[in-house]
N, C-alpha and C. Protein backbone atom coordinates (compact mmCIF):
# COMPACT_ATOMS: atom_id res chain seq x y z
N MET A 1 103.42 115.36 79.55
CA MET A 1 103.05 114.62 80.76
C MET A 1 101.96 115.42 81.47
N ASP A 2 100.89 114.76 81.82
CA ASP A 2 99.78 115.47 82.44
C ASP A 2 100.02 115.67 83.94
N LYS A 3 99.12 116.43 84.55
CA LYS A 3 99.27 116.79 85.96
C LYS A 3 99.22 115.58 86.89
N ILE A 4 98.35 114.63 86.57
CA ILE A 4 98.23 113.45 87.43
C ILE A 4 99.53 112.65 87.40
N SER A 5 100.10 112.50 86.23
CA SER A 5 101.35 111.77 86.11
C SER A 5 102.46 112.46 86.90
N LYS A 6 102.51 113.78 86.83
CA LYS A 6 103.51 114.54 87.59
C LYS A 6 103.33 114.33 89.10
N LEU A 7 102.08 114.34 89.54
CA LEU A 7 101.80 114.13 90.96
C LEU A 7 102.24 112.73 91.39
N PHE A 8 101.90 111.72 90.61
CA PHE A 8 102.25 110.35 90.99
C PHE A 8 103.74 110.09 90.85
N ARG A 9 104.45 110.85 90.05
CA ARG A 9 105.91 110.70 89.99
C ARG A 9 106.55 111.18 91.29
N LYS A 10 105.84 112.00 92.05
CA LYS A 10 106.31 112.42 93.37
C LYS A 10 105.84 111.45 94.44
N ILE A 11 104.65 110.91 94.29
CA ILE A 11 104.09 110.00 95.28
C ILE A 11 104.75 108.63 95.23
N LEU A 12 105.01 108.13 94.02
CA LEU A 12 105.52 106.76 93.85
C LEU A 12 106.79 106.46 94.65
N PRO A 13 107.85 107.28 94.58
CA PRO A 13 109.05 106.91 95.34
C PRO A 13 108.83 106.93 96.85
N ILE A 14 107.97 107.82 97.31
CA ILE A 14 107.69 107.89 98.75
C ILE A 14 106.94 106.63 99.18
N TYR A 15 105.91 106.28 98.41
CA TYR A 15 105.13 105.09 98.74
C TYR A 15 106.00 103.83 98.64
N TRP A 16 106.82 103.76 97.61
CA TRP A 16 107.67 102.58 97.40
C TRP A 16 108.69 102.43 98.55
N ALA A 17 109.27 103.55 99.00
CA ALA A 17 110.22 103.49 100.11
C ALA A 17 109.50 103.07 101.40
N PHE A 18 108.32 103.63 101.64
CA PHE A 18 107.54 103.26 102.82
C PHE A 18 107.17 101.78 102.77
N LEU A 19 106.74 101.31 101.62
CA LEU A 19 106.36 99.91 101.45
C LEU A 19 107.55 98.99 101.70
N THR A 20 108.70 99.36 101.18
CA THR A 20 109.91 98.55 101.39
C THR A 20 110.23 98.47 102.87
N TYR A 21 110.15 99.61 103.55
CA TYR A 21 110.41 99.61 105.00
C TYR A 21 109.42 98.68 105.72
N MET A 22 108.15 98.80 105.41
CA MET A 22 107.12 98.00 106.08
C MET A 22 107.30 96.50 105.80
N LEU A 23 107.71 96.16 104.60
CA LEU A 23 107.88 94.75 104.25
C LEU A 23 109.14 94.14 104.85
N LEU A 24 110.16 94.96 105.11
CA LEU A 24 111.44 94.43 105.57
C LEU A 24 111.73 94.68 107.04
N ARG A 25 110.88 95.42 107.72
CA ARG A 25 111.14 95.67 109.14
C ARG A 25 110.93 94.38 109.93
N PRO A 26 111.48 94.33 111.14
CA PRO A 26 111.30 93.11 111.93
C PRO A 26 109.82 92.79 112.15
N GLY A 27 109.51 91.51 112.13
CA GLY A 27 108.14 91.06 112.34
C GLY A 27 107.72 91.32 113.78
N LEU A 28 106.47 91.67 113.95
CA LEU A 28 105.93 91.90 115.28
C LEU A 28 105.05 90.72 115.65
N GLU A 29 104.93 90.50 116.94
CA GLU A 29 104.02 89.45 117.38
C GLU A 29 102.62 89.81 116.97
N ASN A 30 101.91 88.84 116.46
CA ASN A 30 100.52 89.08 116.07
C ASN A 30 99.64 89.07 117.31
N ASN A 31 99.18 90.23 117.68
CA ASN A 31 98.22 90.32 118.77
C ASN A 31 96.84 90.05 118.20
N GLU A 32 96.00 89.52 119.02
CA GLU A 32 94.64 89.24 118.58
C GLU A 32 93.80 90.50 118.71
N PHE A 33 93.38 91.04 117.60
CA PHE A 33 92.49 92.19 117.56
C PHE A 33 91.17 91.73 116.97
N PRO A 34 90.08 92.43 117.26
CA PRO A 34 88.78 92.00 116.73
C PRO A 34 88.71 91.93 115.20
N PHE A 35 89.50 92.75 114.52
CA PHE A 35 89.44 92.77 113.05
C PHE A 35 90.36 91.74 112.40
N MET A 36 91.15 91.03 113.20
CA MET A 36 92.08 90.04 112.65
C MET A 36 91.34 88.77 112.26
N PHE A 37 91.76 88.18 111.16
CA PHE A 37 91.21 86.90 110.72
C PHE A 37 92.30 86.16 109.97
N GLU A 38 92.11 84.88 109.79
CA GLU A 38 93.09 84.07 109.08
C GLU A 38 93.18 84.55 107.63
N GLY A 39 94.37 84.82 107.18
CA GLY A 39 94.58 85.28 105.81
C GLY A 39 94.62 86.79 105.67
N ILE A 40 94.56 87.53 106.78
CA ILE A 40 94.59 88.99 106.67
C ILE A 40 95.91 89.46 106.07
N ASP A 41 97.00 88.73 106.33
CA ASP A 41 98.28 89.13 105.76
C ASP A 41 98.27 89.05 104.23
N LYS A 42 97.57 88.06 103.68
CA LYS A 42 97.47 87.95 102.21
C LYS A 42 96.63 89.10 101.65
N LEU A 43 95.58 89.45 102.35
CA LEU A 43 94.75 90.59 101.93
C LEU A 43 95.55 91.89 101.98
N LEU A 44 96.38 92.03 102.99
CA LEU A 44 97.23 93.23 103.09
C LEU A 44 98.25 93.26 101.96
N HIS A 45 98.87 92.13 101.66
CA HIS A 45 99.81 92.07 100.53
C HIS A 45 99.10 92.48 99.24
N LEU A 46 97.95 91.90 99.01
CA LEU A 46 97.19 92.22 97.80
C LEU A 46 96.88 93.71 97.74
N SER A 47 96.44 94.29 98.83
CA SER A 47 96.04 95.70 98.86
C SER A 47 97.22 96.65 98.63
N ILE A 48 98.32 96.40 99.35
CA ILE A 48 99.44 97.33 99.22
C ILE A 48 100.10 97.22 97.85
N PHE A 49 100.10 96.04 97.27
CA PHE A 49 100.66 95.90 95.92
C PHE A 49 99.71 96.40 94.85
N ALA A 50 98.41 96.37 95.12
CA ALA A 50 97.45 96.99 94.18
C ALA A 50 97.70 98.50 94.15
N MET A 51 97.93 99.07 95.30
CA MET A 51 98.22 100.51 95.37
C MET A 51 99.56 100.81 94.67
N LEU A 52 100.54 99.95 94.88
CA LEU A 52 101.84 100.14 94.21
C LEU A 52 101.67 100.07 92.69
N GLY A 53 100.94 99.06 92.22
CA GLY A 53 100.73 98.92 90.78
C GLY A 53 99.99 100.13 90.20
N PHE A 54 98.98 100.61 90.91
CA PHE A 54 98.23 101.77 90.45
C PHE A 54 99.13 103.01 90.41
N CYS A 55 99.87 103.25 91.49
CA CYS A 55 100.76 104.42 91.53
C CYS A 55 101.82 104.35 90.44
N PHE A 56 102.36 103.16 90.21
CA PHE A 56 103.38 102.97 89.19
C PHE A 56 102.82 103.33 87.81
N MET A 57 101.64 102.81 87.52
CA MET A 57 101.03 103.09 86.22
C MET A 57 100.64 104.56 86.08
N ALA A 58 100.18 105.16 87.16
CA ALA A 58 99.82 106.58 87.11
C ALA A 58 101.05 107.45 86.91
N ALA A 59 102.19 107.02 87.44
CA ALA A 59 103.43 107.78 87.29
C ALA A 59 104.06 107.58 85.93
N ILE A 60 103.96 106.36 85.40
CA ILE A 60 104.58 106.01 84.12
C ILE A 60 103.53 105.32 83.25
N PRO A 61 102.54 106.05 82.77
CA PRO A 61 101.41 105.42 82.07
C PRO A 61 101.75 104.79 80.73
N LYS A 62 102.86 105.15 80.13
CA LYS A 62 103.18 104.62 78.80
C LYS A 62 104.08 103.38 78.83
N ILE A 63 104.37 102.89 80.03
CA ILE A 63 105.24 101.70 80.13
C ILE A 63 104.51 100.49 79.55
N LYS A 64 105.26 99.63 78.91
CA LYS A 64 104.67 98.41 78.35
C LYS A 64 104.32 97.46 79.50
N PHE A 65 103.25 96.70 79.29
CA PHE A 65 102.77 95.79 80.33
C PHE A 65 103.85 94.81 80.76
N LEU A 66 104.60 94.26 79.82
CA LEU A 66 105.62 93.28 80.16
C LEU A 66 106.68 93.86 81.10
N TYR A 67 107.10 95.10 80.85
CA TYR A 67 108.09 95.74 81.73
C TYR A 67 107.49 95.98 83.11
N PHE A 68 106.27 96.49 83.13
CA PHE A 68 105.57 96.72 84.39
C PHE A 68 105.51 95.41 85.19
N PHE A 69 105.07 94.35 84.55
CA PHE A 69 104.89 93.06 85.21
C PHE A 69 106.23 92.53 85.74
N GLN A 70 107.28 92.64 84.94
CA GLN A 70 108.59 92.15 85.36
C GLN A 70 109.10 92.94 86.58
N ILE A 71 108.95 94.24 86.56
CA ILE A 71 109.41 95.07 87.67
C ILE A 71 108.66 94.70 88.95
N MET A 72 107.35 94.55 88.85
CA MET A 72 106.55 94.23 90.04
C MET A 72 106.88 92.83 90.58
N ILE A 73 107.04 91.85 89.69
CA ILE A 73 107.36 90.49 90.12
C ILE A 73 108.74 90.44 90.78
N ILE A 74 109.70 91.09 90.16
CA ILE A 74 111.05 91.11 90.73
C ILE A 74 111.05 91.78 92.10
N TYR A 75 110.33 92.89 92.23
CA TYR A 75 110.26 93.58 93.53
C TYR A 75 109.61 92.68 94.58
N GLY A 76 108.49 92.06 94.24
CA GLY A 76 107.81 91.18 95.19
C GLY A 76 108.69 90.00 95.59
N LEU A 77 109.34 89.38 94.62
CA LEU A 77 110.22 88.26 94.90
C LEU A 77 111.41 88.68 95.74
N LEU A 78 112.00 89.82 95.42
CA LEU A 78 113.14 90.32 96.17
C LEU A 78 112.77 90.60 97.63
N THR A 79 111.63 91.22 97.87
CA THR A 79 111.23 91.49 99.25
C THR A 79 110.98 90.19 100.02
N GLU A 80 110.40 89.20 99.36
CA GLU A 80 110.16 87.91 100.02
C GLU A 80 111.49 87.23 100.35
N ILE A 81 112.43 87.25 99.42
CA ILE A 81 113.75 86.64 99.68
C ILE A 81 114.46 87.36 100.81
N LEU A 82 114.42 88.69 100.79
CA LEU A 82 115.08 89.47 101.84
C LEU A 82 114.43 89.23 103.20
N GLN A 83 113.12 89.11 103.25
CA GLN A 83 112.45 88.80 104.51
C GLN A 83 112.99 87.49 105.09
N ASP A 84 113.16 86.51 104.24
CA ASP A 84 113.65 85.21 104.68
C ASP A 84 115.11 85.27 105.11
N GLU A 85 115.93 85.99 104.37
CA GLU A 85 117.36 86.05 104.64
C GLU A 85 117.70 86.90 105.86
N MET A 86 116.87 87.86 106.19
CA MET A 86 117.19 88.78 107.29
C MET A 86 116.92 88.17 108.66
N HIS A 87 116.13 87.12 108.72
CA HIS A 87 115.83 86.43 109.98
C HIS A 87 115.31 87.38 111.06
N TRP A 88 114.38 88.23 110.69
CA TRP A 88 113.78 89.18 111.63
C TRP A 88 112.32 88.82 111.93
N GLY A 89 112.01 87.57 111.87
CA GLY A 89 110.66 87.13 112.20
C GLY A 89 109.72 87.05 111.02
N ARG A 90 110.23 87.23 109.83
CA ARG A 90 109.43 87.10 108.62
C ARG A 90 110.05 86.02 107.76
N SER A 91 109.25 85.44 106.89
CA SER A 91 109.78 84.36 106.06
C SER A 91 109.23 84.46 104.65
N LEU A 92 109.90 83.77 103.75
CA LEU A 92 109.48 83.71 102.36
C LEU A 92 108.23 82.84 102.27
N GLU A 93 107.17 83.39 101.70
CA GLU A 93 105.94 82.62 101.52
C GLU A 93 105.49 82.76 100.08
N PHE A 94 105.30 81.63 99.44
CA PHE A 94 104.86 81.62 98.05
C PHE A 94 103.49 82.30 97.89
N LEU A 95 102.59 82.10 98.85
CA LEU A 95 101.27 82.72 98.76
C LEU A 95 101.33 84.24 98.88
N ASP A 96 102.33 84.76 99.60
CA ASP A 96 102.52 86.21 99.64
C ASP A 96 102.89 86.72 98.25
N LEU A 97 103.75 86.00 97.56
CA LEU A 97 104.15 86.39 96.21
C LEU A 97 102.96 86.35 95.26
N ILE A 98 102.09 85.35 95.42
CA ILE A 98 100.87 85.27 94.61
C ILE A 98 99.98 86.48 94.90
N ALA A 99 99.81 86.81 96.19
CA ALA A 99 98.99 87.97 96.57
C ALA A 99 99.60 89.26 96.02
N ASP A 100 100.92 89.38 96.06
CA ASP A 100 101.60 90.55 95.50
C ASP A 100 101.31 90.68 94.01
N THR A 101 101.41 89.57 93.30
CA THR A 101 101.19 89.55 91.85
C THR A 101 99.75 89.92 91.51
N VAL A 102 98.81 89.30 92.20
CA VAL A 102 97.40 89.61 91.95
C VAL A 102 97.11 91.08 92.28
N GLY A 103 97.71 91.57 93.35
CA GLY A 103 97.53 92.97 93.72
C GLY A 103 98.05 93.92 92.65
N CYS A 104 99.25 93.66 92.14
CA CYS A 104 99.82 94.50 91.08
C CYS A 104 98.93 94.50 89.85
N LEU A 105 98.45 93.33 89.49
CA LEU A 105 97.58 93.23 88.32
C LEU A 105 96.26 93.97 88.55
N CYS A 106 95.74 93.90 89.76
CA CYS A 106 94.51 94.65 90.08
C CYS A 106 94.76 96.16 89.93
N GLY A 107 95.88 96.62 90.48
CA GLY A 107 96.22 98.04 90.37
C GLY A 107 96.38 98.47 88.92
N TYR A 108 97.01 97.62 88.12
CA TYR A 108 97.21 97.89 86.70
C TYR A 108 95.86 98.03 85.98
N PHE A 109 95.00 97.04 86.19
CA PHE A 109 93.72 97.04 85.46
C PHE A 109 92.76 98.13 85.97
N VAL A 110 92.82 98.46 87.25
CA VAL A 110 92.01 99.58 87.75
C VAL A 110 92.47 100.88 87.11
N PHE A 111 93.80 101.06 87.03
CA PHE A 111 94.32 102.27 86.38
C PHE A 111 93.87 102.34 84.92
N LYS A 112 94.02 101.23 84.20
CA LYS A 112 93.64 101.21 82.78
C LYS A 112 92.15 101.50 82.61
N LYS A 113 91.32 100.93 83.48
CA LYS A 113 89.87 101.15 83.37
C LYS A 113 89.53 102.61 83.67
N LEU A 114 90.11 103.17 84.73
CA LEU A 114 89.86 104.59 85.04
C LEU A 114 90.36 105.49 83.93
N ARG A 115 91.49 105.16 83.39
CA ARG A 115 92.06 105.96 82.30
C ARG A 115 91.14 105.92 81.06
N SER A 116 90.60 104.76 80.75
CA SER A 116 89.72 104.66 79.58
C SER A 116 88.40 105.40 79.81
N LEU A 117 87.96 105.49 81.06
CA LEU A 117 86.73 106.22 81.35
C LEU A 117 86.91 107.73 81.29
N THR A 118 88.13 108.20 81.51
CA THR A 118 88.38 109.65 81.53
C THR A 118 88.84 110.20 80.18
N ILE A 119 89.20 109.32 79.27
CA ILE A 119 89.67 109.80 77.96
C ILE A 119 88.51 109.92 77.00
């Protein structure tokens, strides 16, 4: 196992726990800030799941794509269901799950591309 993989095996659980907390905490009122725009929540879902996918692949680079994809989809679906069931101001949104999926795939392919450039 190389040094980068060892580093990401330490980063991944911390990031994953932080992400779970952020996704499941009570919803806050959306204040209007200058940087806010319609759809920013989908962009955030895509970004944070891209980082999760990248960290996951960097920590476990030899995992098969199907296993990676199943783990990411199940996690995204589970967080969406829990948001809806907890009744803390968040709800299950199909488009969030799509953004999560696209984000994970982006993270996966960015990792693979960077890995192929460094080998």
